[in-house]
Protein backbone atom coordinates (compact mmCIF):
# COMPACT_ATOMS: atom_id res chain seq x y z
CA MET A 1 -0.15 0.13 -0.03
CA LYS A 2 1.04 3.58 -0.74
CA LYS A 3 2.10 5.66 1.71
CA ILE A 4 0.28 9.33 1.61
CA ALA A 5 1.13 12.51 4.02
CA LEU A 6 -1.87 14.47 5.00
CA VAL A 7 -0.27 18.04 5.64
CA SER A 8 -2.67 20.49 7.12
CA ALA A 9 -2.30 24.12 6.96
CA GLY A 10 -5.72 25.38 8.15
CA GLY A 11 -8.24 26.99 6.46
CA THR A 12 -11.96 26.09 6.21
CA ILE A 13 -11.56 22.61 5.58
CA ALA A 14 -10.23 22.50 8.94
CA MET A 15 -13.20 25.04 10.61
CA GLN A 16 -16.38 24.30 12.37
CA ASN A 17 -18.60 26.23 14.04
CA ASN A 18 -18.43 27.74 17.48
CA GLU A 19 -20.90 27.95 20.06
CA SER A 20 -21.78 31.57 18.27
CA GLY A 21 -22.71 29.90 15.35
CA VAL A 22 -19.17 31.38 13.50
CA ALA A 23 -16.24 29.05 11.85
CA VAL A 24 -13.03 29.09 13.37
CA PRO A 25 -9.90 26.63 13.32
CA THR A 26 -10.65 23.27 15.08
CA ALA A 27 -9.71 20.35 13.26
CA GLY A 28 -5.81 19.11 12.35
CA ALA A 29 -4.52 16.18 10.00
CA LYS A 30 -5.95 13.55 11.89
CA GLU A 31 -8.99 14.66 12.25
CA LEU A 32 -9.58 15.23 8.92
CA ILE A 33 -8.12 11.55 8.18
CA GLY A 34 -11.36 10.67 10.59
CA LEU A 35 -13.45 12.20 8.15
CA ILE A 36 -12.66 9.83 5.33
CA LYS A 37 -11.47 6.56 7.42
CA SER A 38 -13.69 4.51 5.19
CA ASP A 39 -12.38 5.36 1.80
CA LYS A 40 -8.73 5.17 2.69
CA ASN A 41 -8.58 1.33 2.76
CA ASN A 42 -6.14 1.28 -0.34
CA PHE A 43 -3.74 3.54 1.41
CA ILE A 44 -1.47 4.59 4.64
CA LEU A 45 -2.65 8.25 5.24
CA GLU A 46 0.07 10.14 8.06
CA GLY A 47 -1.37 13.42 9.29
CA ILE A 48 1.18 16.07 9.41
CA GLU A 49 0.48 19.34 11.25
CA PHE A 50 1.82 22.39 9.71
CA LYS A 51 -0.53 25.32 10.54
CA ASN A 52 -3.97 25.46 11.68
CA ILE A 53 -5.15 28.89 10.56
CA PRO A 54 -7.06 30.79 7.84
CA SER A 55 -5.28 31.44 4.59
CA ILE A 56 -5.35 34.89 4.85
CA HIS A 57 -2.81 34.73 7.50
CA MET A 58 0.03 32.98 5.57
CA SER A 59 3.28 35.01 5.27
CA LEU A 60 5.93 34.70 3.04
CA GLU A 61 7.67 32.84 6.17
CA ASP A 62 4.94 30.25 6.27
CA LEU A 63 5.67 29.58 2.65
CA VAL A 64 9.17 28.48 3.06
CA ALA A 65 8.36 26.26 6.22
CA LEU A 66 6.24 24.32 4.15
CA ARG A 67 8.17 23.80 0.93
CA ASN A 68 11.16 22.73 3.87
CA LEU A 69 8.56 20.62 5.11
CA VAL A 70 7.83 19.28 1.93
CA ILE A 71 11.16 18.72 0.60
CA ARG A 72 11.76 16.47 4.06
CA LEU A 73 8.87 14.70 3.20
CA SER A 74 9.56 13.52 0.24
CA TYR A 75 12.82 11.69 1.29
CA SER A 76 10.54 10.24 4.23
CA GLY A 77 8.99 6.99 1.93
CA TYR A 78 5.62 8.93 1.17
CA ALA A 79 4.73 8.05 -2.35
CA GLY A 80 2.53 11.68 -2.63
CA ILE A 81 1.93 14.73 -0.32
CA VAL A 82 -1.36 15.92 0.20
CA ILE A 83 -1.39 19.53 1.77
CA THR A 84 -4.99 21.11 2.72
CA HIS A 85 -5.16 25.08 2.97
CA GLY A 86 -7.53 27.69 2.87
CA THR A 87 -8.76 28.43 -0.42
CA ASP A 88 -8.39 32.51 -0.20
CA THR A 89 -4.59 32.35 -0.89
CA MET A 90 -4.31 28.33 -1.97
CA GLU A 91 -3.03 29.37 -5.46
CA GLU A 92 -0.22 31.57 -4.14
CA THR A 93 1.11 28.65 -1.93
CA ALA A 94 0.42 26.24 -4.96
CA TYR A 95 2.43 27.98 -7.31
CA PHE A 96 5.32 29.04 -4.61
CA LEU A 97 5.79 25.32 -4.12
CA ASP A 98 5.86 24.89 -7.99
CA LEU A 99 8.12 27.41 -8.69
CA THR A 100 10.61 26.49 -6.17
CA ILE A 101 10.57 22.46 -5.74
CA ASN A 102 11.01 19.67 -8.27
CA LEU A 103 10.52 16.41 -6.66
CA ASN A 104 9.58 12.58 -8.03
CA VAL A 105 6.90 12.82 -4.96
CA PRO A 106 3.25 14.56 -6.34
CA VAL A 107 2.23 17.00 -4.38
CA VAL A 108 -1.76 18.22 -4.27
CA LEU A 109 -2.92 20.90 -2.50
CA THR A 110 -6.73 20.88 -1.47
CA GLY A 111 -9.44 22.45 0.86
CA ALA A 112 -12.95 23.21 1.02
CA GLN A 113 -15.86 26.15 0.53
CA ARG A 114 -18.08 24.44 3.22
CA ASN A 115 -17.08 24.06 7.17
CA ILE A 116 -17.49 20.50 9.00
CA SER A 117 -20.61 22.06 10.31
CA ALA A 118 -22.20 22.99 7.30
CA LEU A 119 -25.06 21.20 5.79
CA SER A 120 -23.23 20.00 2.84
CA PRO A 121 -19.46 19.91 3.18
CA ASP A 122 -17.33 19.42 0.03
CA ILE A 123 -14.66 18.03 2.47
CA GLN A 124 -14.42 14.18 2.18
CA LEU A 125 -14.73 14.64 -1.60
CA ASN A 126 -11.83 17.08 -2.01
CA LEU A 127 -9.74 15.02 0.24
CA VAL A 128 -10.56 11.37 -1.26
CA ASP A 129 -10.31 12.94 -4.58
CA SER A 130 -6.75 14.55 -3.84
CA ILE A 131 -5.43 11.50 -2.15
CA LEU A 132 -6.18 9.11 -5.11
CA THR A 133 -4.44 11.97 -7.55
CA ALA A 134 -1.26 12.01 -5.16
CA ALA A 135 -1.58 8.35 -5.36
CA ASP A 136 -1.38 8.36 -8.94
CA ASP A 137 1.60 7.65 -10.89
CA GLY A 138 0.20 10.08 -13.36
CA ALA A 139 0.40 13.16 -11.38
CA LEU A 140 4.50 12.59 -11.22
CA ASP A 141 5.21 14.64 -13.83
CA LYS A 142 2.72 17.34 -13.79
CA GLY A 143 4.06 19.80 -11.27
CA VAL A 144 2.11 21.06 -8.08
CA LEU A 145 -1.48 20.19 -8.35
CA ILE A 146 -4.65 21.94 -7.13
CA VAL A 147 -7.48 19.29 -6.67
CA PHE A 148 -11.03 20.88 -6.45
CA ALA A 149 -14.59 19.59 -7.12
CA SER A 150 -12.96 16.60 -8.29
CA GLU A 151 -11.20 18.56 -11.13
CA ILE A 152 -7.23 18.73 -11.43
CA ILE A 153 -5.31 22.25 -12.17
CA THR A 154 -2.16 22.84 -12.39
CA ALA A 155 -0.68 25.08 -9.92
CA ARG A 156 0.72 27.70 -12.66
CA GLU A 157 -3.34 28.24 -13.91
CA ALA A 158 -5.48 27.48 -11.23
CA THR A 159 -7.30 30.37 -9.86
CA LYS A 160 -10.08 30.91 -7.71
CA VAL A 161 -13.24 32.35 -9.46
CA HIS A 162 -16.26 32.11 -7.00
CA LYS A 163 -16.25 33.26 -3.43
CA THR A 164 -18.82 30.33 -2.26
CA ARG A 165 -19.25 27.57 -5.12
CA THR A 166 -17.47 24.59 -4.34
CA ASP A 167 -15.97 24.19 -8.00
CA THR A 168 -14.30 27.51 -7.47
CA PHE A 169 -11.21 26.82 -8.74
CA LYS A 170 -10.78 26.83 -12.20
CA SER A 171 -8.24 26.96 -15.08
CA MET A 172 -9.59 30.33 -17.43
CA ASP A 173 -7.62 29.46 -20.40
CA PHE A 174 -7.28 25.57 -20.71
CA GLY A 175 -9.36 23.94 -18.03
CA PRO A 176 -8.47 20.86 -16.11
CA ILE A 177 -5.67 18.47 -16.94
CA GLY A 178 -7.42 15.75 -15.40
CA THR A 179 -10.58 14.59 -13.52
CA VAL A 180 -11.03 11.75 -10.82
CA ASP A 181 -14.47 10.02 -11.89
CA ASN A 182 -15.32 6.42 -9.95
CA ASN A 183 -11.77 6.57 -7.83
CA ARG A 184 -9.77 6.89 -10.80
CA VAL A 185 -7.82 9.36 -11.92
CA ILE A 186 -8.15 10.29 -15.44
CA TRP A 187 -5.64 12.27 -17.11
CA THR A 188 -6.44 14.42 -20.13
CA ARG A 189 -3.53 16.39 -21.30
CA LYS A 190 0.20 17.77 -20.38
CA PRO A 191 0.91 20.90 -19.12
CA LEU A 192 4.13 22.11 -21.27
CA ILE A 193 4.80 25.58 -19.48
CA ARG A 194 6.49 25.10 -16.15
CA ASP A 195 9.38 26.89 -14.34
CA THR A 196 11.30 25.54 -11.21
CA TYR A 197 14.21 27.70 -9.57
CA GLU A 198 16.75 27.03 -6.98
CA PHE A 199 15.49 28.77 -4.01
CA ASP A 200 16.71 28.88 -0.57
CA TYR A 201 14.69 31.96 1.42
CA PHE A 202 13.01 35.32 0.22
CA SER A 203 15.73 37.81 0.58
CA LYS A 204 13.52 40.33 -0.98
CA THR A 205 10.23 40.71 0.04
CA GLU A 206 8.07 43.76 -0.76
CA VAL A 207 6.43 43.65 -4.02
CA ASP A 208 3.38 45.91 -4.20
CA ILE A 209 0.70 45.15 -6.27
CA ILE A 210 -1.02 48.28 -7.63
CA PRO A 211 -3.91 48.36 -9.76
CA SER A 212 -5.36 50.38 -12.39
CA TYR A 213 -8.96 51.71 -13.31
CA LEU A 214 -10.58 54.76 -14.96
CA GLY A 215 -8.99 57.65 -13.26
CA ALA A 216 -6.47 55.94 -11.71
CA ASP A 217 -3.04 58.23 -11.46
CA SER A 218 0.31 57.80 -10.01
CA ARG A 219 -0.11 58.18 -6.21
CA MET A 220 0.31 54.74 -5.26
CA LEU A 221 3.12 54.04 -7.58
CA HIS A 222 5.16 57.58 -5.87
CA ASN A 223 4.36 55.67 -2.57
CA SER A 224 5.92 52.24 -3.56
CA VAL A 225 8.74 54.00 -4.99
CA LYS A 226 8.99 56.34 -1.79
CA HIS A 227 9.15 53.20 0.46
CA GLY A 228 11.99 51.47 -1.83
CA VAL A 229 9.61 48.86 -2.81
CA ASP A 230 11.98 45.42 -4.69
CA GLY A 231 9.39 45.37 -7.33
CA ILE A 232 6.27 46.02 -8.69
CA VAL A 233 3.07 44.39 -10.31
CA LEU A 234 0.84 46.56 -12.25
CA GLN A 235 -2.50 45.63 -12.57
CA GLY A 236 -3.21 46.50 -16.01
CA LEU A 237 -6.51 46.97 -18.26
CA GLY A 238 -7.34 44.37 -21.38
CA ALA A 239 -4.70 43.42 -23.57
CA GLY A 240 -1.99 45.08 -21.48
CA HIS A 241 -3.03 49.23 -21.22
CA ILE A 242 -2.50 51.54 -18.49
CA PRO A 243 -3.80 55.00 -17.90
CA GLU A 244 -1.85 58.11 -18.60
CA ALA A 245 -1.87 59.72 -15.85
CA MET A 246 0.14 56.25 -13.96
CA ILE A 247 3.10 57.17 -16.82
CA GLU A 248 4.68 59.09 -14.14
CA GLY A 249 4.90 56.75 -11.59
CA ILE A 250 5.65 53.90 -13.81
CA GLU A 251 8.56 56.00 -15.46
CA GLU A 252 9.66 57.07 -11.62
CA ALA A 253 10.10 53.30 -10.66
CA ILE A 254 12.02 52.20 -13.66
CA ASN A 255 14.25 54.80 -13.52
CA ALA A 256 14.97 53.76 -9.86
CA SER A 257 15.95 50.23 -11.02
CA ILE A 258 12.49 48.83 -9.62
CA PRO A 259 11.30 45.81 -11.55
CA VAL A 260 7.51 46.52 -12.74
CA VAL A 261 5.87 43.47 -14.37
CA LEU A 262 2.33 43.82 -15.77
CA SER A 263 -0.67 41.72 -15.20
CA SER A 264 -4.12 42.35 -16.30
CA ARG A 265 -7.31 42.17 -14.53
CA THR A 266 -8.96 40.14 -17.50
CA LEU A 267 -8.90 36.55 -16.58
CA LYS A 268 -8.00 34.89 -20.14
CA GLY A 269 -5.15 35.25 -22.75
CA ARG A 270 -2.11 37.22 -23.16
CA PHE A 271 -1.11 40.96 -23.92
CA LEU A 272 -0.98 42.55 -27.23
CA MET A 273 2.46 43.52 -28.60
CA ASP A 274 2.14 45.84 -31.22
CA THR A 275 -1.53 46.78 -31.91
CA TYR A 276 -2.45 49.89 -30.03
CA GLY A 277 0.06 53.36 -30.42
CA PHE A 278 -1.58 55.33 -27.83
CA ILE A 279 0.01 57.12 -24.41
CA GLY A 280 -0.40 53.87 -22.23
CA GLY A 281 -0.88 51.12 -24.62
CA GLU A 282 1.33 47.88 -24.43
CA LYS A 283 3.85 49.30 -27.19
CA HIS A 284 4.32 52.25 -25.38
CA LEU A 285 4.56 50.32 -22.02
CA ARG A 286 7.23 47.70 -23.58
CA LYS A 287 9.69 51.05 -25.00
CA LEU A 288 9.52 52.27 -21.05
CA GLY A 289 10.92 48.59 -19.86
CA VAL A 290 7.77 47.81 -18.54
CA ILE A 291 8.09 43.70 -18.31
CA PHE A 292 5.17 41.62 -19.10
CA GLY A 293 4.08 39.03 -17.29
CA GLU A 294 2.40 36.86 -19.53
CA ASP A 295 -1.10 35.01 -18.90
CA LEU A 296 -0.35 35.00 -14.73
CA THR A 297 -2.74 36.28 -12.41
CA SER A 298 -1.49 39.91 -10.71
CA GLN A 299 -0.88 37.45 -7.41
CA LYS A 300 0.98 34.83 -9.31
CA VAL A 301 3.23 37.65 -11.24
CA ARG A 302 3.96 38.74 -7.41
CA ILE A 303 4.71 35.16 -6.05
CA LYS A 304 7.10 34.53 -9.19
CA LEU A 305 8.86 38.28 -8.99
CA LEU A 306 9.81 37.34 -5.16
CA VAL A 307 11.14 34.55 -6.34
CA LEU A 308 13.46 35.81 -9.07
CA LEU A 309 14.12 38.54 -6.81
CA SER A 310 15.53 36.49 -4.03
CA THR A 311 17.44 34.27 -6.62
CA GLY A 312 19.87 37.37 -7.63
CA ARG A 313 18.68 37.85 -11.21
CA SER A 314 18.93 41.15 -12.88
CA GLY A 315 16.33 42.95 -14.37
CA LYS A 316 17.02 41.73 -17.72
CA GLU A 317 17.08 38.20 -16.62
CA ILE A 318 13.36 38.81 -14.82
CA GLN A 319 12.60 40.07 -18.13
CA TYR A 320 13.00 37.14 -19.77
CA GLU A 321 11.84 34.44 -17.20
CA PHE A 322 8.64 36.34 -18.06
CA GLU A 323 8.41 36.80 -21.47
CA LYS A 324 10.08 33.98 -22.83
CA ASN A 325 6.86 31.85 -23.64
CA TYR A 326 5.20 34.58 -25.61
CA TYR A 327 6.89 37.65 -25.94
CA THR A 328 10.90 37.29 -26.72
CA ASP A 329 12.23 38.22 -30.41
């Protein structure tokens, strides 16, 4: 029988209502295993406690500690590792692990939208599906995965799209790479884009995400530069556009040698390059030296930029690592 590690990091999956009727952290790894004991006959499940916190309380230091724990477990005879985690920041944790580990052991993250006290919790299904996926040999070359509502999604592509529905995690452009059906793991495609980097710790920790919107100006950009941030993620509009009043702040940041990476609040597709010629259009931003963050969401651009900065890469190297799949000449 395969031995699977179940690492508990908290979140809704580990919560139940208290006397006041509000959900609070209560359950650890052993309690979660107890919820599915009738479904684990084919596996040896071992619970490991990491944290029991809402995922909004996860810190960069927690990410590094979780990564180090996963690496240690990978050398301890486990056939797979399942991490239970809150959904609010699960995609950031999953993508960080995907960027910084390259193991011969599948790593799967899951959680729940409904806590233990809910009328119809999604805990048991997500746990069983995740265990089956982590134990499947087909998961070995897929990178870190999120399994939710019986869909298997890569860490790079997964994003939370609904506040409360149980099928909240989606790959917006490409769909899941597999599914769990009748206790069988079925793979439908293999992801071709995956980056991993040698990583020790976050030596650079200040990367701001700055949104753009109708009427936006440079105040937040000026504030970030003033405070000496290590990098800036711009959440742009459409296919790579920024309001004109933000250009002054972008130029100030670039002149201060702060990497500025563009993302978009539009969830599907990739950036244009030479279509629009107005100030703040994609061609103008590239001329200024703004780096294009490919199809990654703002929060994932931030995680990748933090990793690249902490590995000592130069501005040109950072640009290459973000643009190499779509935008390099």
